[in-house]
Amino acid sequence: MDAPADAADADEQPPSARRVNLTPRQARQIRIVLASVLMAAMAAVLVIRLASRTSVLVVGVYGAALILCGVVIELSRNGRTRLGTWLLGLGLAAALAADWLLLP
């Protein structure tokens, strides 16, 4: 008799309280797509920044961000999705902070 009660409790929860369970394959695919989109965005920002000001520092910061996105894609392909997520978040935050602090 617990099964119907559990199902009723799940229906009563607000949508924000329910957790979406992804399969490991789906989680890997989502992170690969996210890293690919962010890689394309970093490449676009690199082109824009180089058009306004050419600098080795600009290439270094955004080149490192592009390499980081590639590393995250490979980590996700090999099943290290949590590590890839943390690395992607912290690495891109560091790249944007370096852009704001170091680049004129």
PDB file of N, CA and C in Angstrom:
ATOM      1  N   MET A   1       0.810  -1.190   0.000  1.00  0.00           N
ATOM      2  CA  MET A   1       0.000   0.000   0.000  1.00  0.00           C
ATOM      3  C   MET A   1       0.856   1.256   0.000  1.00  0.00           C
ATOM      4  N   ASP A   2       2.146   1.104   0.182  1.00  0.00           N
ATOM      5  CA  ASP A   2       3.017   2.270   0.188  1.00  0.00           C
ATOM      6  C   ASP A   2       3.236   2.829  -1.211  1.00  0.00           C
ATOM      7  N   ALA A   3       3.168   1.995  -2.231  1.00  0.00           N
ATOM      8  CA  ALA A   3       3.447   2.450  -3.592  1.00  0.00           C
ATOM      9  C   ALA A   3       2.454   3.521  -4.054  1.00  0.00           C
ATOM     10  N   PRO A   4       1.133   3.348  -3.863  1.00  0.00           N
ATOM     11  CA  PRO A   4       0.216   4.414  -4.284  1.00  0.00           C
ATOM     12  C   PRO A   4       0.408   5.692  -3.475  1.00  0.00           C
ATOM     13  N   ALA A   5       0.746   5.557  -2.196  1.00  0.00           N
ATOM     14  CA  ALA A   5       0.968   6.748  -1.384  1.00  0.00           C
ATOM     15  C   ALA A   5       2.198   7.495  -1.870  1.00  0.00           C
ATOM     16  N   ASP A   6       3.257   6.761  -2.233  1.00  0.00           N
ATOM     17  CA  ASP A   6       4.458   7.414  -2.746  1.00  0.00           C
ATOM     18  C   ASP A   6       4.176   8.110  -4.068  1.00  0.00           C
ATOM     19  N   ALA A   7       3.388   7.486  -4.923  1.00  0.00           N
ATOM     20  CA  ALA A   7       3.038   8.093  -6.207  1.00  0.00           C
ATOM     21  C   ALA A   7       2.206   9.353  -5.985  1.00  0.00           C
ATOM     22  N   ALA A   8       1.304   9.309  -5.009  1.00  0.00           N
ATOM     23  CA  ALA A   8       0.483  10.480  -4.717  1.00  0.00           C
ATOM     24  C   ALA A   8       1.348  11.604  -4.162  1.00  0.00           C
ATOM     25  N   ASP A   9       2.333  11.269  -3.320  1.00  0.00           N
ATOM     26  CA  ASP A   9       3.232  12.287  -2.776  1.00  0.00           C
ATOM     27  C   ASP A   9       4.057  12.931  -3.877  1.00  0.00           C
ATOM     28  N   ALA A  10       4.479  12.149  -4.853  1.00  0.00           N
ATOM     29  CA  ALA A  10       5.274  12.682  -5.957  1.00  0.00           C
ATOM     30  C   ALA A  10       4.451  13.640  -6.800  1.00  0.00           C
ATOM     31  N   ASP A  11       3.157  13.364  -6.947  1.00  0.00           N
ATOM     32  CA  ASP A  11       2.294  14.250  -7.726  1.00  0.00           C
ATOM     33  C   ASP A  11       2.001  15.545  -6.986  1.00  0.00           C
ATOM     34  N   GLU A  12       2.047  15.502  -5.656  1.00  0.00           N
ATOM     35  CA  GLU A  12       1.742  16.689  -4.863  1.00  0.00           C
ATOM     36  C   GLU A  12       2.926  17.652  -4.775  1.00  0.00           C
ATOM     37  N   GLN A  13       4.106  17.197  -5.063  1.00  0.00           N
ATOM     38  CA  GLN A  13       5.277  18.066  -4.981  1.00  0.00           C
ATOM     39  C   GLN A  13       5.240  19.087  -6.104  1.00  0.00           C
ATOM     40  N   PRO A  14       5.701  20.307  -5.812  1.00  0.00           N
ATOM     41  CA  PRO A  14       5.765  21.301  -6.887  1.00  0.00           C
ATOM     42  C   PRO A  14       6.803  20.870  -7.925  1.00  0.00           C
ATOM     43  N   PRO A  15       6.675  21.325  -9.164  1.00  0.00           N
ATOM     44  CA  PRO A  15       7.602  20.895 -10.219  1.00  0.00           C
ATOM     45  C   PRO A  15       9.059  21.202  -9.899  1.00  0.00           C
ATOM     46  N   SER A  16       9.316  22.278  -9.155  1.00  0.00           N
ATOM     47  CA  SER A  16      10.699  22.616  -8.840  1.00  0.00           C
ATOM     48  C   SER A  16      11.320  21.648  -7.836  1.00  0.00           C
ATOM     49  N   ALA A  17      10.499  20.949  -7.061  1.00  0.00           N
ATOM     50  CA  ALA A  17      11.013  20.018  -6.062  1.00  0.00           C
ATOM     51  C   ALA A  17      11.327  18.656  -6.652  1.00  0.00           C
ATOM     52  N   ARG A  18      10.743  18.349  -7.806  1.00  0.00           N
ATOM     53  CA  ARG A  18      11.012  17.062  -8.441  1.00  0.00           C
ATOM     54  C   ARG A  18      12.385  17.090  -9.096  1.00  0.00           C
ATOM     55  N   ARG A  19      13.053  15.981  -9.020  1.00  0.00           N
ATOM     56  CA  ARG A  19      14.392  15.882  -9.600  1.00  0.00           C
ATOM     57  C   ARG A  19      14.311  15.109 -10.909  1.00  0.00           C
ATOM     58  N   VAL A  20      14.932  15.659 -11.919  1.00  0.00           N
ATOM     59  CA  VAL A  20      14.957  14.986 -13.211  1.00  0.00           C
ATOM     60  C   VAL A  20      16.130  14.023 -13.200  1.00  0.00           C
ATOM     61  N   ASN A  21      15.838  12.751 -13.385  1.00  0.00           N
ATOM     62  CA  ASN A  21      16.891  11.752 -13.407  1.00  0.00           C
ATOM     63  C   ASN A  21      17.325  11.515 -14.846  1.00  0.00           C
ATOM     64  N   LEU A  22      18.592  11.793 -15.091  1.00  0.00           N
ATOM     65  CA  LEU A  22      19.167  11.558 -16.404  1.00  0.00           C
ATOM     66  C   LEU A  22      19.984  10.283 -16.365  1.00  0.00           C
ATOM     67  N   THR A  23      19.993   9.595 -17.463  1.00  0.00           N
ATOM     68  CA  THR A  23      20.890   8.447 -17.560  1.00  0.00           C
ATOM     69  C   THR A  23      22.309   8.976 -17.718  1.00  0.00           C
ATOM     70  N   PRO A  24      23.306   8.181 -17.390  1.00  0.00           N
ATOM     71  CA  PRO A  24      24.686   8.645 -17.566  1.00  0.00           C
ATOM     72  C   PRO A  24      24.984   9.063 -19.007  1.00  0.00           C
ATOM     73  N   ARG A  25      24.414   8.352 -19.948  1.00  0.00           N
ATOM     74  CA  ARG A  25      24.628   8.698 -21.363  1.00  0.00           C
ATOM     75  C   ARG A  25      24.040  10.069 -21.684  1.00  0.00           C
ATOM     76  N   GLN A  26      22.836  10.349 -21.172  1.00  0.00           N
ATOM     77  CA  GLN A  26      22.217  11.648 -21.410  1.00  0.00           C
ATOM     78  C   GLN A  26      23.028  12.765 -20.756  1.00  0.00           C
ATOM     79  N   ALA A  27      23.529  12.516 -19.547  1.00  0.00           N
ATOM     80  CA  ALA A  27      24.340  13.519 -18.864  1.00  0.00           C
ATOM     81  C   ALA A  27      25.610  13.812 -19.651  1.00  0.00           C
ATOM     82  N   ARG A  28      26.249  12.774 -20.182  1.00  0.00           N
ATOM     83  CA  ARG A  28      27.450  12.979 -20.996  1.00  0.00           C
ATOM     84  C   ARG A  28      27.135  13.780 -22.243  1.00  0.00           C
ATOM     85  N   GLN A  29      26.041  13.447 -22.903  1.00  0.00           N
ATOM     86  CA  GLN A  29      25.678  14.154 -24.128  1.00  0.00           C
ATOM     87  C   GLN A  29      25.369  15.617 -23.859  1.00  0.00           C
ATOM     88  N   ILE A  30      24.675  15.895 -22.771  1.00  0.00           N
ATOM     89  CA  ILE A  30      24.357  17.281 -22.425  1.00  0.00           C
ATOM     90  C   ILE A  30      25.631  18.070 -22.162  1.00  0.00           C
ATOM     91  N   ARG A  31      26.566  17.490 -21.433  1.00  0.00           N
ATOM     92  CA  ARG A  31      27.808  18.198 -21.132  1.00  0.00           C
ATOM     93  C   ARG A  31      28.678  18.377 -22.377  1.00  0.00           C
ATOM     94  N   ILE A  32      28.654  17.418 -23.269  1.00  0.00           N
ATOM     95  CA  ILE A  32      29.406  17.550 -24.515  1.00  0.00           C
ATOM     96  C   ILE A  32      28.830  18.685 -25.355  1.00  0.00           C
ATOM     97  N   VAL A  33      27.508  18.746 -25.457  1.00  0.00           N
ATOM     98  CA  VAL A  33      26.869  19.819 -26.222  1.00  0.00           C
ATOM     99  C   VAL A  33      27.132  21.168 -25.566  1.00  0.00           C
ATOM    100  N   LEU A  34      27.025  21.227 -24.238  1.00  0.00           N
ATOM    101  CA  LEU A  34      27.282  22.479 -23.521  1.00  0.00           C
ATOM    102  C   LEU A  34      28.715  22.957 -23.740  1.00  0.00           C
ATOM    103  N   ALA A  35      29.674  22.059 -23.618  1.00  0.00           N
ATOM    104  CA  ALA A  35      31.077  22.432 -23.828  1.00  0.00           C
ATOM    105  C   ALA A  35      31.318  22.846 -25.274  1.00  0.00           C
ATOM    106  N   SER A  36      30.651  22.210 -26.219  1.00  0.00           N
ATOM    107  CA  SER A  36      30.811  22.574 -27.631  1.00  0.00           C
ATOM    108  C   SER A  36      30.250  23.962 -27.907  1.00  0.00           C
ATOM    109  N   VAL A  37      29.089  24.258 -27.335  1.00  0.00           N
ATOM    110  CA  VAL A  37      28.489  25.583 -27.508  1.00  0.00           C
ATOM    111  C   VAL A  37      29.377  26.645 -26.869  1.00  0.00           C
ATOM    112  N   LEU A  38      29.893  26.366 -25.679  1.00  0.00           N
ATOM    113  CA  LEU A  38      30.776  27.329 -25.025  1.00  0.00           C
ATOM    114  C   LEU A  38      32.094  27.481 -25.781  1.00  0.00           C
ATOM    115  N   MET A  39      32.564  26.417 -26.411  1.00  0.00           N
ATOM    116  CA  MET A  39      33.774  26.510 -27.225  1.00  0.00           C
ATOM    117  C   MET A  39      33.537  27.443 -28.410  1.00  0.00           C
ATOM    118  N   ALA A  40      32.397  27.311 -29.052  1.00  0.00           N
ATOM    119  CA  ALA A  40      32.062  28.188 -30.177  1.00  0.00           C
ATOM    120  C   ALA A  40      31.915  29.637 -29.707  1.00  0.00           C
ATOM    121  N   ALA A  41      31.337  29.826 -28.530  1.00  0.00           N
ATOM    122  CA  ALA A  41      31.192  31.175 -27.987  1.00  0.00           C
ATOM    123  C   ALA A  41      32.555  31.787 -27.673  1.00  0.00           C
ATOM    124  N   MET A  42      33.458  30.999 -27.086  1.00  0.00           N
ATOM    125  CA  MET A  42      34.803  31.500 -26.788  1.00  0.00           C
ATOM    126  C   MET A  42      35.559  31.835 -28.068  1.00  0.00           C
ATOM    127  N   ALA A  43      35.362  31.038 -29.113  1.00  0.00           N
ATOM    128  CA  ALA A  43      36.011  31.327 -30.397  1.00  0.00           C
ATOM    129  C   ALA A  43      35.476  32.633 -30.977  1.00  0.00           C
ATOM    130  N   ALA A  44      34.173  32.863 -30.860  1.00  0.00           N
ATOM    131  CA  ALA A  44      33.587  34.110 -31.352  1.00  0.00           C
ATOM    132  C   ALA A  44      34.109  35.310 -30.565  1.00  0.00           C
ATOM    133  N   VAL A  45      34.197  35.170 -29.253  1.00  0.00           N
ATOM    134  CA  VAL A  45      34.724  36.257 -28.426  1.00  0.00           C
ATOM    135  C   VAL A  45      36.195  36.507 -28.757  1.00  0.00           C
ATOM    136  N   LEU A  46      36.947  35.452 -29.004  1.00  0.00           N
ATOM    137  CA  LEU A  46      38.351  35.603 -29.392  1.00  0.00           C
ATOM    138  C   LEU A  46      38.470  36.404 -30.684  1.00  0.00           C
ATOM    139  N   VAL A  47      37.645  36.093 -31.666  1.00  0.00           N
ATOM    140  CA  VAL A  47      37.689  36.829 -32.937  1.00  0.00           C
ATOM    141  C   VAL A  47      37.327  38.295 -32.721  1.00  0.00           C
ATOM    142  N   ILE A  48      36.297  38.544 -31.910  1.00  0.00           N
ATOM    143  CA  ILE A  48      35.878  39.925 -31.640  1.00  0.00           C
ATOM    144  C   ILE A  48      36.978  40.689 -30.909  1.00  0.00           C
ATOM    145  N   ARG A  49      37.572  40.051 -29.900  1.00  0.00           N
ATOM    146  CA  ARG A  49      38.645  40.716 -29.140  1.00  0.00           C
ATOM    147  C   ARG A  49      39.873  40.961 -30.004  1.00  0.00           C
ATOM    148  N   LEU A  50      40.203  40.026 -30.877  1.00  0.00           N
ATOM    149  CA  LEU A  50      41.359  40.217 -31.762  1.00  0.00           C
ATOM    150  C   LEU A  50      41.091  41.306 -32.798  1.00  0.00           C
ATOM    151  N   ALA A  51      39.844  41.474 -33.204  1.00  0.00           N
ATOM    152  CA  ALA A  51      39.505  42.533 -34.156  1.00  0.00           C
ATOM    153  C   ALA A  51      39.667  43.905 -33.519  1.00  0.00           C
ATOM    154  N   SER A  52      39.366  44.000 -32.247  1.00  0.00           N
ATOM    155  CA  SER A  52      39.475  45.297 -31.576  1.00  0.00           C
ATOM    156  C   SER A  52      40.897  45.573 -31.077  1.00  0.00           C
ATOM    157  N   ARG A  53      41.587  44.522 -30.672  1.00  0.00           N
ATOM    158  CA  ARG A  53      42.949  44.714 -30.167  1.00  0.00           C
ATOM    159  C   ARG A  53      43.705  43.400 -30.269  1.00  0.00           C
ATOM    160  N   THR A  54      44.771  43.406 -31.013  1.00  0.00           N
ATOM    161  CA  THR A  54      45.579  42.195 -31.139  1.00  0.00           C
ATOM    162  C   THR A  54      46.590  42.161 -30.001  1.00  0.00           C
ATOM    163  N   SER A  55      46.633  41.043 -29.323  1.00  0.00           N
ATOM    164  CA  SER A  55      47.529  40.883 -28.197  1.00  0.00           C
ATOM    165  C   SER A  55      47.790  39.397 -27.970  1.00  0.00           C
ATOM    166  N   VAL A  56      49.002  39.103 -27.568  1.00  0.00           N
ATOM    167  CA  VAL A  56      49.342  37.723 -27.237  1.00  0.00           C
ATOM    168  C   VAL A  56      48.572  37.288 -25.998  1.00  0.00           C
ATOM    169  N   LEU A  57      48.320  38.212 -25.103  1.00  0.00           N
ATOM    170  CA  LEU A  57      47.577  37.898 -23.886  1.00  0.00           C
ATOM    171  C   LEU A  57      46.130  37.507 -24.201  1.00  0.00           C
ATOM    172  N   VAL A  58      45.521  38.189 -25.181  1.00  0.00           N
ATOM    173  CA  VAL A  58      44.158  37.843 -25.598  1.00  0.00           C
ATOM    174  C   VAL A  58      44.135  36.418 -26.146  1.00  0.00           C
ATOM    175  N   VAL A  59      45.096  36.110 -27.011  1.00  0.00           N
ATOM    176  CA  VAL A  59      45.172  34.769 -27.587  1.00  0.00           C
ATOM    177  C   VAL A  59      45.425  33.736 -26.490  1.00  0.00           C
ATOM    178  N   GLY A  60      46.257  34.076 -25.527  1.00  0.00           N
ATOM    179  CA  GLY A  60      46.549  33.149 -24.432  1.00  0.00           C
ATOM    180  C   GLY A  60      45.340  32.848 -23.576  1.00  0.00           C
ATOM    181  N   VAL A  61      44.604  33.872 -23.181  1.00  0.00           N
ATOM    182  CA  VAL A  61      43.445  33.693 -22.307  1.00  0.00           C
ATOM    183  C   VAL A  61      42.360  32.892 -23.021  1.00  0.00           C
ATOM    184  N   TYR A  62      42.006  33.313 -24.226  1.00  0.00           N
ATOM    185  CA  TYR A  62      40.925  32.634 -24.931  1.00  0.00           C
ATOM    186  C   TYR A  62      41.381  31.316 -25.546  1.00  0.00           C
ATOM    187  N   GLY A  63      42.653  31.206 -25.869  1.00  0.00           N
ATOM    188  CA  GLY A  63      43.188  29.916 -26.317  1.00  0.00           C
ATOM    189  C   GLY A  63      43.121  28.883 -25.209  1.00  0.00           C
ATOM    190  N   ALA A  64      43.449  29.314 -23.991  1.00  0.00           N
ATOM    191  CA  ALA A  64      43.346  28.405 -22.839  1.00  0.00           C
ATOM    192  C   ALA A  64      41.896  27.990 -22.600  1.00  0.00           C
ATOM    193  N   ALA A  65      40.960  28.925 -22.789  1.00  0.00           N
ATOM    194  CA  ALA A  65      39.542  28.601 -22.618  1.00  0.00           C
ATOM    195  C   ALA A  65      39.082  27.600 -23.682  1.00  0.00           C
ATOM    196  N   LEU A  66      39.573  27.749 -24.912  1.00  0.00           N
ATOM    197  CA  LEU A  66      39.222  26.800 -25.973  1.00  0.00           C
ATOM    198  C   LEU A  66      39.789  25.421 -25.677  1.00  0.00           C
ATOM    199  N   ILE A  67      41.024  25.370 -25.210  1.00  0.00           N
ATOM    200  CA  ILE A  67      41.635  24.089 -24.845  1.00  0.00           C
ATOM    201  C   ILE A  67      40.871  23.451 -23.697  1.00  0.00           C
ATOM    202  N   LEU A  68      40.472  24.253 -22.738  1.00  0.00           N
ATOM    203  CA  LEU A  68      39.700  23.750 -21.600  1.00  0.00           C
ATOM    204  C   LEU A  68      38.382  23.131 -22.060  1.00  0.00           C
ATOM    205  N   CYS A  69      37.704  23.776 -22.991  1.00  0.00           N
ATOM    206  CA  CYS A  69      36.451  23.216 -23.515  1.00  0.00           C
ATOM    207  C   CYS A  69      36.705  21.873 -24.191  1.00  0.00           C
ATOM    208  N   GLY A  70      37.796  21.759 -24.919  1.00  0.00           N
ATOM    209  CA  GLY A  70      38.141  20.491 -25.548  1.00  0.00           C
ATOM    210  C   GLY A  70      38.444  19.405 -24.534  1.00  0.00           C
ATOM    211  N   VAL A  71      39.124  19.775 -23.457  1.00  0.00           N
ATOM    212  CA  VAL A  71      39.423  18.815 -22.391  1.00  0.00           C
ATOM    213  C   VAL A  71      38.135  18.342 -21.735  1.00  0.00           C
ATOM    214  N   VAL A  72      37.202  19.250 -21.521  1.00  0.00           N
ATOM    215  CA  VAL A  72      35.919  18.887 -20.904  1.00  0.00           C
ATOM    216  C   VAL A  72      35.137  17.947 -21.815  1.00  0.00           C
ATOM    217  N   ILE A  73      35.184  18.171 -23.116  1.00  0.00           N
ATOM    218  CA  ILE A  73      34.506  17.269 -24.049  1.00  0.00           C
ATOM    219  C   ILE A  73      35.099  15.867 -23.935  1.00  0.00           C
ATOM    220  N   GLU A  74      36.413  15.779 -23.896  1.00  0.00           N
ATOM    221  CA  GLU A  74      37.056  14.461 -23.766  1.00  0.00           C
ATOM    222  C   GLU A  74      36.755  13.813 -22.422  1.00  0.00           C
ATOM    223  N   LEU A  75      36.757  14.602 -21.350  1.00  0.00           N
ATOM    224  CA  LEU A  75      36.405  14.044 -20.040  1.00  0.00           C
ATOM    225  C   LEU A  75      34.975  13.500 -20.050  1.00  0.00           C
ATOM    226  N   SER A  76      34.070  14.232 -20.668  1.00  0.00           N
ATOM    227  CA  SER A  76      32.680  13.784 -20.730  1.00  0.00           C
ATOM    228  C   SER A  76      32.551  12.520 -21.568  1.00  0.00           C
ATOM    229  N   ARG A  77      33.294  12.427 -22.645  1.00  0.00           N
ATOM    230  CA  ARG A  77      33.249  11.222 -23.472  1.00  0.00           C
ATOM    231  C   ARG A  77      33.752  10.003 -22.706  1.00  0.00           C
ATOM    232  N   ASN A  78      34.661  10.235 -21.757  1.00  0.00           N
ATOM    233  CA  ASN A  78      35.223   9.137 -20.979  1.00  0.00           C
ATOM    234  C   ASN A  78      34.496   8.908 -19.661  1.00  0.00           C
ATOM    235  N   GLY A  79      33.362   9.578 -19.457  1.00  0.00           N
ATOM    236  CA  GLY A  79      32.541   9.320 -18.279  1.00  0.00           C
ATOM    237  C   GLY A  79      32.864  10.155 -17.060  1.00  0.00           C
ATOM    238  N   ARG A  80      33.711  11.122 -17.175  1.00  0.00           N
ATOM    239  CA  ARG A  80      34.058  11.985 -16.033  1.00  0.00           C
ATOM    240  C   ARG A  80      33.254  13.279 -16.096  1.00  0.00           C
ATOM    241  N   THR A  81      31.917  13.140 -16.015  1.00  0.00           N
ATOM    242  CA  THR A  81      31.058  14.293 -16.252  1.00  0.00           C
ATOM    243  C   THR A  81      31.085  15.296 -15.106  1.00  0.00           C
ATOM    244  N   ARG A  82      31.129  14.832 -13.884  1.00  0.00           N
ATOM    245  CA  ARG A  82      31.152  15.775 -12.753  1.00  0.00           C
ATOM    246  C   ARG A  82      32.440  16.574 -12.745  1.00  0.00           C
ATOM    247  N   LEU A  83      33.556  15.898 -12.946  1.00  0.00           N
ATOM    248  CA  LEU A  83      34.840  16.596 -13.018  1.00  0.00           C
ATOM    249  C   LEU A  83      34.828  17.591 -14.166  1.00  0.00           C
ATOM    250  N   GLY A  84      34.289  17.191 -15.307  1.00  0.00           N
ATOM    251  CA  GLY A  84      34.205  18.079 -16.458  1.00  0.00           C
ATOM    252  C   GLY A  84      33.348  19.298 -16.188  1.00  0.00           C
ATOM    253  N   THR A  85      32.246  19.106 -15.477  1.00  0.00           N
ATOM    254  CA  THR A  85      31.363  20.223 -15.165  1.00  0.00           C
ATOM    255  C   THR A  85      32.061  21.235 -14.270  1.00  0.00           C
ATOM    256  N   TRP A  86      32.709  20.759 -13.234  1.00  0.00           N
ATOM    257  CA  TRP A  86      33.442  21.666 -12.343  1.00  0.00           C
ATOM    258  C   TRP A  86      34.569  22.375 -13.082  1.00  0.00           C
ATOM    259  N   LEU A  87      35.296  21.633 -13.874  1.00  0.00           N
ATOM    260  CA  LEU A  87      36.409  22.209 -14.624  1.00  0.00           C
ATOM    261  C   LEU A  87      35.916  23.262 -15.609  1.00  0.00           C
ATOM    262  N   LEU A  88      34.817  22.980 -16.279  1.00  0.00           N
ATOM    263  CA  LEU A  88      34.260  23.922 -17.240  1.00  0.00           C
ATOM    264  C   LEU A  88      33.804  25.200 -16.546  1.00  0.00           C
ATOM    265  N   GLY A  89      33.081  25.058 -15.469  1.00  0.00           N
ATOM    266  CA  GLY A  89      32.587  26.230 -14.742  1.00  0.00           C
ATOM    267  C   GLY A  89      33.701  27.083 -14.174  1.00  0.00           C
ATOM    268  N   LEU A  90      34.622  26.452 -13.473  1.00  0.00           N
ATOM    269  CA  LEU A  90      35.718  27.207 -12.856  1.00  0.00           C
ATOM    270  C   LEU A  90      36.686  27.767 -13.896  1.00  0.00           C
ATOM    271  N   GLY A  91      36.969  26.988 -14.932  1.00  0.00           N
ATOM    272  CA  GLY A  91      37.908  27.437 -15.956  1.00  0.00           C
ATOM    273  C   GLY A  91      37.381  28.608 -16.764  1.00  0.00           C
ATOM    274  N   LEU A  92      36.122  28.553 -17.147  1.00  0.00           N
ATOM    275  CA  LEU A  92      35.562  29.667 -17.912  1.00  0.00           C
ATOM    276  C   LEU A  92      35.367  30.903 -17.037  1.00  0.00           C
ATOM    277  N   ALA A  93      35.049  30.705 -15.770  1.00  0.00           N
ATOM    278  CA  ALA A  93      34.972  31.844 -14.853  1.00  0.00           C
ATOM    279  C   ALA A  93      36.352  32.490 -14.698  1.00  0.00           C
ATOM    280  N   ALA A  94      37.386  31.669 -14.623  1.00  0.00           N
ATOM    281  CA  ALA A  94      38.750  32.199 -14.524  1.00  0.00           C
ATOM    282  C   ALA A  94      39.153  32.928 -15.807  1.00  0.00           C
ATOM    283  N   ALA A  95      38.758  32.403 -16.961  1.00  0.00           N
ATOM    284  CA  ALA A  95      39.083  33.062 -18.234  1.00  0.00           C
ATOM    285  C   ALA A  95      38.385  34.416 -18.341  1.00  0.00           C
ATOM    286  N   LEU A  96      37.125  34.469 -17.942  1.00  0.00           N
ATOM    287  CA  LEU A  96      36.413  35.743 -17.982  1.00  0.00           C
ATOM    288  C   LEU A  96      36.970  36.727 -16.953  1.00  0.00           C
ATOM    289  N   ALA A  97      37.362  36.224 -15.797  1.00  0.00           N
ATOM    290  CA  ALA A  97      37.981  37.094 -14.796  1.00  0.00           C
ATOM    291  C   ALA A  97      39.327  37.612 -15.296  1.00  0.00           C
ATOM    292  N   ALA A  98      40.102  36.762 -15.949  1.00  0.00           N
ATOM    293  CA  ALA A  98      41.381  37.200 -16.516  1.00  0.00           C
ATOM    294  C   ALA A  98      41.159  38.241 -17.603  1.00  0.00           C
ATOM    295  N   ASP A  99      40.120  38.056 -18.401  1.00  0.00           N
ATOM    296  CA  ASP A  99      39.791  39.049 -19.428  1.00  0.00           C
ATOM    297  C   ASP A  99      39.468  40.389 -18.786  1.00  0.00           C
ATOM    298  N   TRP A 100      38.690  40.360 -17.746  1.00  0.00           N
ATOM    299  CA  TRP A 100      38.276  41.591 -17.090  1.00  0.00           C
ATOM    300  C   TRP A 100      39.439  42.256 -16.340  1.00  0.00           C
ATOM    301  N   LEU A 101      40.288  41.430 -15.701  1.00  0.00           N
ATOM    302  CA  LEU A 101      41.371  41.990 -14.888  1.00  0.00           C
ATOM    303  C   LEU A 101      42.640  42.300 -15.676  1.00  0.00           C
ATOM    304  N   LEU A 102      43.012  41.432 -16.600  1.00  0.00           N
ATOM    305  CA  LEU A 102      44.313  41.551 -17.258  1.00  0.00           C
ATOM    306  C   LEU A 102      44.293  42.305 -18.580  1.00  0.00           C
ATOM    307  N   LEU A 103      43.205  42.148 -19.311  1.00  0.00           N
ATOM    308  CA  LEU A 103      43.180  42.727 -20.649  1.00  0.00           C
ATOM    309  C   LEU A 103      42.586  44.135 -20.620  1.00  0.00           C
ATOM    310  N   PRO A 104      43.280  45.059 -21.253  1.00  0.00           N
ATOM    311  CA  PRO A 104      42.780  46.450 -21.247  1.00  0.00           C
ATOM    312  C   PRO A 104      41.582  46.647 -22.154  1.00  0.00           C
TER     313      PRO A 104
END
